[in-house]
Each structure stands twice: as structure tokens, then as C-alpha cells.
Amino acid sequence: MSMQGSTTATAPPSVRLSPLSVTAERLRRLVPSGKPDIIAGVAAGFDGLAVTADVTTRLRLCHFLAQAAHETDRFRTLEEYGGAAYFARYDGRRDLGNLRPGDGARYRGRGIFQLTGRANYRRFGALVGVDLEGFPERAKEPAISLAVALAYWRERGCNGPADADNVAGVTKLVNGGRNGLAERTRLLAAAKTIWR
């Protein structure tokens, strides 16, 4: 056998991930029970979009992901649980911009941070360049959901309490209170062991 004209195959150079890169493998370590399509969708665009909200430090990243994991039931859903009777509680809520019958169900919580209410769908849809008011189902597409969550994070000023490592402060800005604080704290501790 002649070796003339043959080339030696070389392995492609290994890609070094940043310690802060968000990959599907790292998200699975954080939440092993997460749905593969949600995890892959979030990981696919995370590093590029994170800079839009200045989620560029370890603490900011860990706090964001802990909140995201909690709000999505550990990346198992991008839509609020509940039926028609449950969503009816949002009908007529002027603070959410729900002025028409059925707005409660139509603009129920969707996405990483459970975007809720016609006014929020309009506002955050405009911020990310997607007509979420006209097409509310799109808010649960992983890439759009991530863009909305990062816009929400930026607008609510979540980096300040994240920098102070204040999980209760971040939780209040994301969820309005202390709902699920113990679980969010556990997820934050786990995130800190993954992103170093």
C-alpha cells in the first residue's frame, strides 16, 4: 500500500469552554430532570444573549440560573401549570393589562420567568422584537423565552442583589415575594459548584 498522497488525520483542536459558559451538559448537572429540548434551547443561545443583560459574572450567572430553574420547575416547563379556572384569576387584572375576557388564560405565565399579562407580553415582546401580544404562545419558545427573561432581569435591576449574593432580593425582583426561597437557595448553591 502506497502512502504517497495520503494525509495524516489530526484531531480537531479541543474547544476550551469558559468557566461561565452555559452548556446543555452543565444545565443537566444543575437540573438532571429537565426536559432535553428546553435545556438545549436555553443553552444554545445563552452565552451570546447573557451579555445583553450584563449577566457576565459568576454570581450573576448563578443567581439567574437558580431563579430560572425554579420558575420553570427545573426546566421541565415553559408554561404555567393550571387550568381554565386557575387562569381566570388573571381576568380583569388592570395591573397586568388584562382588560378583555379570556386574557387571563391567553396571557398566562410562559417562559423562563413566567411572563404574565397582556401588558407584559406587549412590553417585553417589543423589547425582544417579537409580537408576543399577537402570538402569546411564542413566549414559551426556548430562545424567545431566554431573550425575554434576560430583558426582564436587566429591566428589574437584578444584577445589584445578585452581586451582593442576596437570593431573597433577587427572588423579590423576579417573583414579587419570597415564593420558593428555600428551593431557589438550594439551586443557587448547586449552581455555584458548577460555574466556578
Foldseek 3Di string as FASTA:
>chain_A
DDCPPPDDDDDPDDDDDDLLQQALVLLCLLQVPADSQLSHLQNVCPVVLLVVLPCPDLLSSLLLSLQLCVQQVRNHFQFDDDDDVVLQVCAPPVVQPRDDPPQSVLFFFGASLGGGHLVSLCVLCVVVVHNCNVVVVCCNRNNNSNNSSSVLCNVLVLVVCSVVVNSQVNCCSSPVGCPPVVSSVVSSVSSSVRRD
